[in-house]
Amino acid sequence: MNVERPDDEGITGATPRPDEEMEEEVTPLPDGLYAQPDANIPDEPLGHGANEALVVRDSVGNVVKTVEQLPASIGRGSECTVCLDGAGAVGIYARLRRNIGDGVMLEKIRPDVELVSHGVSGDIHELANGDYFSVDGHVFAIDWPKVDARETKASPSGRIKPKYVVMGILAMAAFLFALGGFMQMRAPEVSGTPERAQSEESESESGSGSIVVDQSETEATDTESATDDQPSRTVMRPLWTLDAMLDAAVGETDETGRAGGNPAPDDDEIDIETVDVAPGDSADADDTAAVDEDSGTNTTRIGAESRERGMALYHDGSAAEAVQTMRTTANRSDMAGSADARGLNWLANRVEDAVDLSANAREDLANDRVMEAGEQLARLGRMERNTLTPGGLSRYYRELEAALAGAIRERMVSAKRSDDARESYRWADMLLDFRKDEEAANVIAALDETARERYDYAFELEMIDVGNATRVWREVVSLVPAESPWHQRAVAKIRQYHPNSE
């Protein structure tokens, strides 16, 4: 029995055959339904025997069409083209791809065909055993032969079996447990001596960055210096209160300590005063140590208050007053030569550097150098986050950011009026990095939608004419810049067929 076939033109994998071979390759079915094996797909049977079949059922489960003896065309990973030709229909084509397990991939070939799976239209549907699809108003269900459970880890529905999920979770838990133990082994040990605990407690209460010498080092110093019955005591002064801030500075320093940060003090800069005490003068040595500690605490407190005041003034936009406040405190007689004074001078230099960056950025904006102004703004932001205002950005940064966003928006609007889609997309994407803008979001959404439509059209052409599809992909690349996901997808498709193209 010969069934008249619809035109196979435009079907990927459907190779015209002579009439005498058609009865051997195609199994005709009633009402014009048949399956055409793809000649380019190798024979990869699942091992269920020669009677393996594709069964098509209607919406109530009755078998309406059957394609027998097609083990080669429905092997794992292979494809076959299913042609449905109902009463009065021209011929509807879809491709069924067999996945590992019982899953089925239903893919539309001709653009005039509507495929619906569970009420959802689309070009590709992933179906499991018993799922249905609709073609030209006719509802069908797919029933594949069962796959041997020993051949795959997937469950009959195509999902990973629960036991493998549990095994993966247990393996991850064991890895995290081992990692936690390793990190705990690397944690530094804390001495439990009363002297060490007392020194740590005093440091946390004072809130300063005073240097703490390990007890073992102090004992070694006492042992070496206590010769000829003349004991020696070590008196520590809290000198370095800005260590956390200074460590965050990035860059090189010049002779004045500008534009890069004052380096941390060397070992010889740390004042560790060793006082030789006679055997009968221990009380006088205790009084001297107490005076030295009080003096260091006062400079630390004064320096911290001046630093906080200066940073608050800079944050509110009064950089000149902030610099004057910190330099005045650093030049006090009781602060002379201390690390707090050096830290205040260094911080005042950084405030002046930030003001210079802001002025340079505004000059770039005035001269229509938007990208250069953006680089200056980025440097100012890094300096403020690392050193000046870790808790928030200053008024200088906020005003400069608003001015830069306004300049970017003007260029976006100008490119849009000039019908330069690529430039308008680029400026709109840059503007959204600074703030929310409805017009910029609409520009990107409209161009992405146009690029998506062209990309989908190229996807349909790919199965018929790769040359025309490549031409459409190049249109997508020229329509939207590299920031668009459709630009990236189009470039990937072009390189798939033309690896040497740029």
Protein backbone atom coordinates (compact mmCIF):
# COMPACT_ATOMS: atom_id res chain seq x y z
CA MET A 1 0.00 0.00 0.00
CA ASN A 2 1.52 3.29 -1.13
CA VAL A 3 0.67 6.51 0.64
CA GLU A 4 1.16 9.84 -1.09
CA ARG A 5 3.91 11.73 0.77
CA PRO A 6 3.93 15.50 1.29
CA ASP A 7 6.80 17.52 -0.08
CA ASP A 8 9.99 16.86 1.90
CA GLU A 9 11.67 20.11 0.84
CA GLY A 10 13.10 22.06 3.77
CA ILE A 11 13.27 19.11 6.16
CA THR A 12 16.66 18.53 7.75
CA GLY A 13 17.62 14.89 7.49
CA ALA A 14 14.91 13.98 4.92
CA THR A 15 16.81 12.85 1.82
CA PRO A 16 14.86 12.38 -1.44
CA ARG A 17 14.86 8.72 -2.43
CA PRO A 18 13.80 6.94 -5.61
CA ASP A 19 10.27 5.56 -5.66
CA GLU A 20 11.51 1.99 -5.68
CA GLU A 21 13.36 2.54 -2.36
CA MET A 22 10.53 4.34 -0.61
CA GLU A 23 8.53 1.25 0.27
CA GLU A 24 11.65 -0.30 1.82
CA GLU A 25 12.62 2.73 3.95
CA VAL A 26 9.18 4.06 4.98
CA THR A 27 6.46 2.16 6.78
CA PRO A 28 3.16 3.57 5.50
CA LEU A 29 0.28 3.96 7.95
CA PRO A 30 -3.45 4.66 7.64
CA ASP A 31 -4.63 8.25 7.16
CA GLY A 32 -1.27 9.36 5.86
CA LEU A 33 0.81 9.11 9.06
CA TYR A 34 4.31 7.72 8.67
CA ALA A 35 7.78 8.15 10.12
CA GLN A 36 10.81 8.89 7.94
CA PRO A 37 14.11 7.67 9.45
CA ASP A 38 16.98 10.13 9.20
CA ALA A 39 19.54 8.70 6.77
CA ASN A 40 22.38 10.60 8.46
CA ILE A 41 21.80 9.05 11.90
CA PRO A 42 23.83 5.89 12.67
CA ASP A 43 22.15 2.73 13.80
CA GLU A 44 22.19 2.81 17.62
CA PRO A 45 19.45 0.42 18.81
CA LEU A 46 18.62 0.29 22.51
CA GLY A 47 18.80 -3.49 22.64
CA HIS A 48 15.07 -4.14 23.04
CA GLY A 49 14.84 -6.26 19.94
CA ALA A 50 13.63 -5.70 16.42
CA ASN A 51 10.02 -5.15 17.54
CA GLU A 52 10.77 -1.84 19.27
CA ALA A 53 8.15 0.67 18.14
CA LEU A 54 6.94 4.23 18.45
CA VAL A 55 3.35 4.28 19.70
CA VAL A 56 1.11 7.32 19.21
CA ARG A 57 -1.98 7.49 21.41
CA ASP A 58 -4.90 9.90 21.50
CA SER A 59 -5.91 12.01 24.50
CA VAL A 60 -7.81 9.15 26.15
CA GLY A 61 -5.03 6.61 25.72
CA ASN A 62 -6.24 4.67 22.68
CA VAL A 63 -3.57 3.64 20.18
CA VAL A 64 -4.42 5.42 16.95
CA LYS A 65 -1.22 5.08 14.96
CA THR A 66 1.76 2.76 15.27
CA VAL A 67 5.14 2.77 13.56
CA GLU A 68 6.61 -0.73 13.75
CA GLN A 69 10.15 -2.00 13.33
CA LEU A 70 12.06 1.28 13.60
CA PRO A 71 14.79 0.40 16.11
CA ALA A 72 17.49 2.13 14.10
CA SER A 73 15.65 5.45 13.88
CA ILE A 74 14.74 5.72 17.56
CA GLY A 75 18.01 4.64 19.13
CA ARG A 76 19.45 6.59 22.02
CA GLY A 77 20.28 10.11 20.82
CA SER A 78 19.04 9.48 17.25
CA GLU A 79 16.26 11.26 15.39
CA CYS A 80 13.37 10.52 13.08
CA THR A 81 11.01 12.88 11.26
CA VAL A 82 7.31 12.36 11.98
CA CYS A 83 4.93 13.61 9.28
CA LEU A 84 1.26 14.01 10.15
CA ASP A 85 -1.02 14.45 7.16
CA GLY A 86 -4.65 14.64 8.27
CA ALA A 87 -7.76 15.23 6.21
CA GLY A 88 -7.28 18.38 4.16
CA ALA A 89 -3.92 19.20 5.75
CA VAL A 90 -0.90 19.98 3.66
CA GLY A 91 1.56 18.00 5.72
CA ILE A 92 2.92 18.77 9.15
CA TYR A 93 6.48 18.00 10.13
CA ALA A 94 8.10 17.60 13.51
CA ARG A 95 11.24 15.89 14.69
CA LEU A 96 11.26 13.46 17.61
CA ARG A 97 14.63 13.08 19.32
CA ARG A 98 15.11 10.22 21.77
CA ASN A 99 16.94 11.25 24.96
CA ILE A 100 18.65 9.06 27.56
CA GLY A 101 15.87 7.49 29.58
CA ASP A 102 12.28 7.81 28.44
CA GLY A 103 12.40 11.51 27.54
CA VAL A 104 11.45 12.73 24.05
CA MET A 105 12.39 16.01 22.41
CA LEU A 106 9.71 17.30 20.01
CA GLU A 107 11.19 19.97 17.75
CA LYS A 108 9.34 22.04 15.13
CA ILE A 109 10.84 22.06 11.64
CA ARG A 110 8.47 24.08 9.48
CA PRO A 111 7.58 27.61 10.69
CA ASP A 112 3.90 27.26 9.73
CA VAL A 113 3.35 24.41 12.18
CA GLU A 114 2.04 25.05 15.68
CA LEU A 115 3.17 22.59 18.33
CA VAL A 116 1.50 22.63 21.74
CA SER A 117 2.63 20.55 24.71
CA HIS A 118 0.40 20.66 27.80
CA GLY A 119 -1.14 23.88 26.55
CA VAL A 120 2.20 25.66 25.98
CA SER A 121 3.19 26.63 22.44
CA GLY A 122 6.79 26.62 21.32
CA ASP A 123 9.36 25.42 18.83
CA ILE A 124 10.80 22.68 21.07
CA HIS A 125 9.07 20.55 23.69
CA GLU A 126 10.66 18.02 26.01
CA LEU A 127 8.20 15.20 26.62
CA ALA A 128 8.29 12.26 28.99
CA ASN A 129 6.47 8.98 28.63
CA GLY A 130 2.74 9.65 28.42
CA ASP A 131 3.02 13.39 27.71
CA TYR A 132 0.87 14.71 24.91
CA PHE A 133 1.33 17.24 22.15
CA SER A 134 -1.05 18.96 19.76
CA VAL A 135 -0.50 19.42 16.03
CA ASP A 136 -3.07 21.23 13.92
CA GLY A 137 -5.71 20.70 16.59
CA HIS A 138 -5.08 16.96 16.93
CA VAL A 139 -3.91 15.73 20.34
CA PHE A 140 -1.42 12.85 20.52
CA ALA A 141 0.52 11.15 23.31
CA ILE A 142 3.99 9.63 23.06
CA ASP A 143 4.73 6.19 24.48
CA TRP A 144 8.32 4.96 24.13
CA PRO A 145 9.49 1.46 25.02
CA LYS A 146 10.92 1.18 28.51
CA VAL A 147 14.68 1.47 28.89
CA ASP A 148 16.59 -1.08 30.90
CA ALA A 149 17.25 0.47 34.32
CA ARG A 150 20.77 -0.93 34.28
CA GLU A 151 21.68 1.21 31.28
CA THR A 152 21.08 4.61 32.90
CA LYS A 153 20.95 6.33 36.26
CA ALA A 154 17.81 8.18 35.22
CA SER A 155 14.41 7.24 36.57
CA PRO A 156 11.58 6.32 34.14
CA SER A 157 10.54 9.97 34.08
CA GLY A 158 14.00 11.09 32.98
CA ARG A 159 14.97 12.47 36.39
CA ILE A 160 17.87 11.38 38.58
CA LYS A 161 16.95 8.62 41.00
CA PRO A 162 16.56 9.72 44.64
CA LYS A 163 19.31 7.44 45.90
CA TYR A 164 21.87 9.19 43.70
CA VAL A 165 20.67 12.56 45.01
CA VAL A 166 21.14 11.36 48.60
CA MET A 167 24.61 10.03 47.78
CA GLY A 168 25.58 13.40 46.32
CA ILE A 169 24.32 15.26 49.39
CA LEU A 170 26.26 12.96 51.73
CA ALA A 171 29.44 13.41 49.70
CA MET A 172 29.07 17.19 49.84
CA ALA A 173 28.48 17.09 53.61
CA ALA A 174 31.62 14.98 54.12
CA PHE A 175 33.65 17.44 52.06
CA LEU A 176 32.40 20.43 54.07
CA PHE A 177 33.11 18.62 57.35
CA ALA A 178 36.69 17.88 56.26
CA LEU A 179 37.16 21.48 55.10
CA GLY A 180 35.96 22.81 58.46
CA GLY A 181 38.40 20.58 60.32
CA PHE A 182 41.26 21.74 58.11
CA MET A 183 40.43 25.41 58.71
CA GLN A 184 40.18 24.81 62.45
CA MET A 185 43.66 23.25 62.45
CA ARG A 186 45.06 26.33 60.73
CA ALA A 187 43.48 28.75 63.24
CA PRO A 188 46.08 30.46 65.47
CA GLU A 189 46.28 29.28 69.05
CA VAL A 190 45.52 31.87 71.76
CA SER A 191 47.61 31.86 74.88
CA GLY A 192 45.65 31.30 78.05
CA THR A 193 48.04 33.05 80.47
CA PRO A 194 46.49 35.74 82.72
CA GLU A 195 48.98 38.34 81.46
CA ARG A 196 48.00 37.75 77.83
CA ALA A 197 44.28 37.82 78.63
CA GLN A 198 44.68 41.06 80.58
CA SER A 199 46.57 42.76 77.73
CA GLU A 200 43.95 41.69 75.15
CA GLU A 201 41.14 42.92 77.39
CA SER A 202 42.78 46.33 77.86
CA GLU A 203 43.32 46.62 74.11
CA SER A 204 39.67 45.90 73.30
CA GLU A 205 38.45 48.39 75.93
CA SER A 206 40.68 51.23 74.72
CA GLY A 207 39.68 50.68 71.07
CA SER A 208 43.16 51.65 69.91
CA GLY A 209 45.63 49.83 67.73
CA SER A 210 48.28 49.55 70.44
CA ILE A 211 50.96 46.97 69.85
CA VAL A 212 50.92 43.85 72.04
CA VAL A 213 54.13 41.92 72.61
CA ASP A 214 53.84 38.20 73.14
CA GLN A 215 54.51 37.07 76.71
CA SER A 216 57.26 34.71 75.57
CA GLU A 217 59.12 37.59 73.91
CA THR A 218 58.84 39.72 77.08
CA GLU A 219 60.20 36.91 79.23
CA ALA A 220 63.12 36.45 76.86
CA THR A 221 63.92 40.17 77.04
CA ASP A 222 63.82 40.12 80.83
CA THR A 223 66.10 37.09 80.96
CA GLU A 224 68.73 38.54 78.65
CA SER A 225 68.84 41.98 80.29
CA ALA A 226 68.67 40.85 83.92
CA THR A 227 72.39 40.38 84.35
CA ASP A 228 74.66 41.39 87.27
CA ASP A 229 71.60 41.64 89.59
CA GLN A 230 70.18 44.59 87.64
CA PRO A 231 66.64 43.73 86.49
CA SER A 232 65.19 45.42 83.40
CA ARG A 233 61.53 46.22 82.61
CA THR A 234 59.92 46.77 79.22
CA VAL A 235 57.41 49.61 78.93
CA MET A 236 55.06 49.62 75.87
CA ARG A 237 53.54 52.76 74.40
CA PRO A 238 50.47 52.61 72.11
CA LEU A 239 51.79 54.37 69.01
CA TRP A 240 50.05 52.98 65.94
CA THR A 241 46.32 53.79 65.96
CA LEU A 242 45.69 54.03 62.22
CA ASP A 243 47.14 50.68 61.17
CA ALA A 244 43.91 49.25 59.78
CA MET A 245 43.28 52.36 57.70
CA LEU A 246 46.84 52.64 56.45
CA ASP A 247 47.03 48.96 55.48
CA ALA A 248 44.07 49.53 53.13
CA ALA A 249 45.88 52.25 51.16
CA VAL A 250 47.04 51.28 47.68
CA GLY A 251 49.85 52.81 45.62
CA GLU A 252 53.36 54.20 45.93
CA THR A 253 54.45 57.08 48.13
CA ASP A 254 56.64 59.98 47.15
CA GLU A 255 58.90 62.02 49.38
CA THR A 256 55.98 63.94 50.90
CA GLY A 257 53.86 60.84 51.51
CA ARG A 258 51.22 61.90 48.91
CA ALA A 259 49.14 59.81 46.49
CA GLY A 260 49.61 56.31 47.70
CA GLY A 261 49.80 56.11 51.45
CA ASN A 262 52.29 56.47 54.22
CA PRO A 263 54.04 53.13 54.83
CA ALA A 264 53.63 51.35 58.13
CA PRO A 265 56.39 52.13 60.63
CA ASP A 266 59.54 50.07 60.66
CA ASP A 267 60.56 48.14 63.71
CA ASP A 268 62.96 50.89 64.74
CA GLU A 269 60.11 53.43 64.76
CA ILE A 270 58.20 51.58 67.48
CA ASP A 271 59.17 53.13 70.79
CA ILE A 272 59.90 50.32 73.21
CA GLU A 273 61.57 52.04 76.12
CA THR A 274 63.78 49.87 78.28
CA VAL A 275 64.36 51.32 81.75
CA ASP A 276 67.13 49.96 83.93
CA VAL A 277 65.92 49.78 87.52
CA ALA A 278 68.12 49.36 90.51
CA PRO A 279 67.14 46.71 93.05
CA GLY A 280 65.77 49.30 95.49
CA ASP A 281 64.06 51.61 92.97
CA SER A 282 61.20 49.44 91.67
CA ALA A 283 58.52 51.88 92.88
CA ASP A 284 60.01 54.76 90.86
CA ALA A 285 60.07 52.57 87.74
CA ASP A 286 56.37 51.76 88.18
CA ASP A 287 55.54 55.48 88.37
CA THR A 288 57.52 56.17 85.18
CA ALA A 289 55.73 53.39 83.28
CA ALA A 290 52.33 54.71 84.39
CA VAL A 291 53.15 58.22 83.14
CA ASP A 292 54.32 56.89 79.76
CA GLU A 293 51.15 54.82 79.29
CA ASP A 294 48.92 57.79 80.16
CA SER A 295 50.76 59.97 77.66
CA GLY A 296 50.32 57.43 74.87
CA THR A 297 46.62 57.01 75.66
CA ASN A 298 46.05 60.78 75.46
CA THR A 299 47.64 61.10 72.02
CA THR A 300 45.65 58.13 70.82
CA ARG A 301 42.36 59.63 72.01
CA ILE A 302 43.15 63.07 70.59
CA GLY A 303 44.18 61.61 67.23
CA ALA A 304 41.06 59.44 66.98
CA GLU A 305 38.75 62.37 67.75
CA SER A 306 40.46 64.58 65.17
CA ARG A 307 40.31 61.85 62.55
CA GLU A 308 36.59 61.24 63.09
CA ARG A 309 35.89 64.98 62.94
CA GLY A 310 37.89 65.39 59.75
CA MET A 311 36.21 62.44 58.04
CA ALA A 312 32.76 63.76 58.95
CA LEU A 313 33.62 67.15 57.45
CA TYR A 314 34.93 65.55 54.23
CA HIS A 315 31.84 63.33 53.95
CA ASP A 316 29.61 66.42 54.11
CA GLY A 317 31.62 68.26 51.43
CA SER A 318 33.91 70.45 53.57
CA ALA A 319 37.29 69.09 52.51
CA ALA A 320 39.26 72.28 53.28
CA GLU A 321 37.96 72.42 56.83
CA ALA A 322 38.68 68.70 57.26
CA VAL A 323 42.31 69.15 56.19
CA GLN A 324 42.75 72.14 58.49
CA THR A 325 41.29 70.25 61.47
CA MET A 326 43.58 67.24 61.08
CA ARG A 327 46.74 69.25 60.40
CA THR A 328 46.11 71.52 63.38
CA THR A 329 45.82 68.51 65.67
CA ALA A 330 48.93 66.87 64.20
CA ASN A 331 51.00 70.03 64.82
CA ARG A 332 50.19 70.21 68.53
CA SER A 333 53.17 70.02 70.85
CA ASP A 334 51.90 66.96 72.69
CA MET A 335 51.37 65.15 69.35
CA ALA A 336 54.81 65.93 67.93
CA GLY A 337 56.69 62.87 66.70
CA SER A 338 53.85 60.45 67.42
CA ALA A 339 52.43 57.94 64.99
CA ASP A 340 49.00 59.52 65.42
CA ALA A 341 50.36 62.83 64.11
CA ARG A 342 51.91 61.10 61.09
CA GLY A 343 48.64 59.30 60.44
CA LEU A 344 46.63 62.54 60.56
CA ASN A 345 49.00 64.22 58.10
CA TRP A 346 48.77 61.22 55.78
CA LEU A 347 44.97 61.27 55.96
CA ALA A 348 44.90 65.00 55.20
CA ASN A 349 46.99 64.30 52.09
CA ARG A 350 44.48 61.68 50.98
CA VAL A 351 41.61 64.15 51.35
CA GLU A 352 43.48 66.60 49.12
CA ASP A 353 44.05 63.80 46.58
CA ALA A 354 40.32 63.04 46.57
CA VAL A 355 39.49 66.69 45.91
CA ASP A 356 41.97 66.71 43.01
CA LEU A 357 40.34 63.59 41.51
CA SER A 358 36.92 65.19 41.71
CA ALA A 359 38.18 68.38 40.03
CA ASN A 360 39.87 66.40 37.24
CA ALA A 361 36.68 64.43 36.59
CA ARG A 362 34.61 67.60 36.29
CA GLU A 363 37.17 69.03 33.88
CA ASP A 364 36.89 65.87 31.73
CA LEU A 365 33.11 66.21 31.68
CA ALA A 366 33.37 69.85 30.63
CA ASN A 367 35.63 68.82 27.73
CA ASP A 368 33.26 66.02 26.62
CA ARG A 369 35.57 63.24 27.83
CA VAL A 370 32.94 61.03 29.41
CA MET A 371 34.95 57.81 29.59
CA GLU A 372 37.92 59.58 31.23
CA ALA A 373 35.56 61.13 33.78
CA GLY A 374 34.19 57.68 34.53
CA GLU A 375 37.70 56.41 35.25
CA GLN A 376 38.34 59.30 37.65
CA LEU A 377 35.05 58.56 39.41
CA ALA A 378 36.01 54.90 39.79
CA ARG A 379 39.35 55.87 41.37
CA LEU A 380 37.61 58.24 43.77
CA GLY A 381 35.16 55.52 44.76
CA ARG A 382 37.96 53.04 45.49
CA MET A 383 39.83 55.61 47.59
CA GLU A 384 36.76 56.45 49.65
CA ARG A 385 35.74 52.83 50.22
CA ASN A 386 39.23 51.74 51.24
CA THR A 387 40.44 54.74 53.22
CA LEU A 388 38.33 57.84 53.61
CA THR A 389 34.67 56.95 54.16
CA PRO A 390 34.25 53.18 54.51
CA GLY A 391 30.75 53.68 55.89
CA GLY A 392 29.43 55.52 52.82
CA LEU A 393 30.32 57.70 49.86
CA SER A 394 30.96 61.41 50.27
CA ARG A 395 29.11 64.37 48.85
CA TYR A 396 31.91 64.85 46.32
CA TYR A 397 31.35 61.36 44.92
CA ARG A 398 27.55 61.62 44.86
CA GLU A 399 27.53 64.96 43.02
CA LEU A 400 30.12 63.77 40.51
CA GLU A 401 28.18 60.55 39.89
CA ALA A 402 24.99 62.53 39.21
CA ALA A 403 26.81 64.81 36.75
CA LEU A 404 28.34 61.84 34.93
CA ALA A 405 24.97 60.05 34.71
CA GLY A 406 23.42 63.19 33.21
CA ALA A 407 26.14 63.38 30.55
CA ILE A 408 25.66 59.70 29.67
CA ARG A 409 21.90 60.17 29.38
CA GLU A 410 22.37 63.07 26.96
CA ARG A 411 24.48 60.86 24.70
CA MET A 412 21.93 58.06 24.86
CA VAL A 413 19.13 60.41 23.79
CA SER A 414 21.30 61.87 21.01
CA ALA A 415 22.15 58.41 19.64
CA LYS A 416 18.48 57.41 19.79
CA ARG A 417 17.44 60.48 17.77
CA SER A 418 20.14 59.67 15.22
CA ASP A 419 18.77 56.10 14.87
CA ASP A 420 22.12 54.72 16.01
CA ALA A 421 20.76 51.64 17.75
CA ARG A 422 24.12 50.23 18.74
CA GLU A 423 25.35 53.44 20.43
CA SER A 424 22.02 54.11 22.14
CA TYR A 425 22.09 50.57 23.58
CA ARG A 426 25.67 51.05 24.82
CA TRP A 427 24.95 54.38 26.53
CA ALA A 428 21.70 53.07 28.01
CA ASP A 429 23.48 50.04 29.46
CA MET A 430 26.14 52.32 30.96
CA LEU A 431 23.48 54.62 32.43
CA LEU A 432 21.75 51.72 34.20
CA ASP A 433 25.03 51.00 35.98
CA PHE A 434 24.65 54.32 37.80
CA ARG A 435 20.92 54.58 38.44
CA LYS A 436 17.49 53.34 37.43
CA ASP A 437 16.21 55.05 34.29
CA GLU A 438 12.95 54.08 32.61
CA GLU A 439 13.90 55.41 29.17
CA ALA A 440 17.22 53.57 29.22
CA ALA A 441 15.47 50.35 30.24
CA ASN A 442 12.96 50.79 27.39
CA VAL A 443 15.77 51.34 24.86
CA ILE A 444 17.49 48.11 25.88
CA ALA A 445 14.24 46.13 25.99
CA ALA A 446 13.16 47.27 22.50
CA LEU A 447 16.52 46.51 20.88
CA ASP A 448 16.81 43.15 22.64
CA GLU A 449 13.34 42.21 21.40
CA THR A 450 14.27 43.10 17.81
CA ALA A 451 17.51 41.15 18.12
CA ARG A 452 15.64 38.16 19.54
CA GLU A 453 13.19 38.12 16.62
CA ARG A 454 16.04 38.21 14.10
CA TYR A 455 17.89 35.49 15.98
CA ASP A 456 14.80 33.24 16.00
CA TYR A 457 14.37 33.80 12.27
CA ALA A 458 18.00 32.79 11.72
CA PHE A 459 17.38 29.68 13.82
CA GLU A 460 14.64 28.61 11.40
CA LEU A 461 16.84 29.37 8.39
CA GLU A 462 19.69 27.34 9.87
CA MET A 463 17.93 24.07 8.99
CA ILE A 464 17.41 25.14 5.38
CA ASP A 465 20.18 27.55 4.38
CA VAL A 466 23.14 28.17 6.66
CA GLY A 467 24.38 31.00 4.43
CA ASN A 468 21.22 33.08 4.87
CA ALA A 469 21.16 32.23 8.57
CA THR A 470 24.71 33.54 8.93
CA ARG A 471 23.69 36.77 7.20
CA VAL A 472 20.87 37.30 9.71
CA TRP A 473 23.19 36.51 12.63
CA ARG A 474 25.57 39.21 11.38
CA GLU A 475 22.63 41.63 11.36
CA VAL A 476 22.06 40.83 15.03
CA VAL A 477 25.73 41.47 15.80
CA SER A 478 25.60 44.88 14.10
CA LEU A 479 22.26 45.77 15.73
CA VAL A 480 23.23 45.39 19.39
CA PRO A 481 26.66 45.71 21.09
CA ALA A 482 28.53 43.04 22.99
CA GLU A 483 26.64 43.88 26.19
CA SER A 484 23.50 42.26 24.73
CA PRO A 485 23.03 38.50 25.24
CA TRP A 486 21.70 38.18 21.68
CA HIS A 487 24.94 39.65 20.33
CA GLN A 488 26.87 36.97 22.20
CA ARG A 489 24.58 34.17 20.96
CA ALA A 490 24.81 35.35 17.36
CA VAL A 491 28.60 35.50 17.56
CA ALA A 492 28.66 31.95 18.92
CA LYS A 493 26.52 30.66 16.01
CA ILE A 494 28.70 32.44 13.44
CA ARG A 495 31.85 30.90 14.91
CA GLN A 496 30.18 27.50 14.92
CA TYR A 497 29.97 27.51 11.11
CA HIS A 498 32.85 29.92 10.42
CA PRO A 499 35.55 29.28 13.04
CA ASN A 500 38.05 31.65 11.40
CA SER A 501 35.68 34.62 11.13
CA GLU A 502 36.10 37.62 13.40
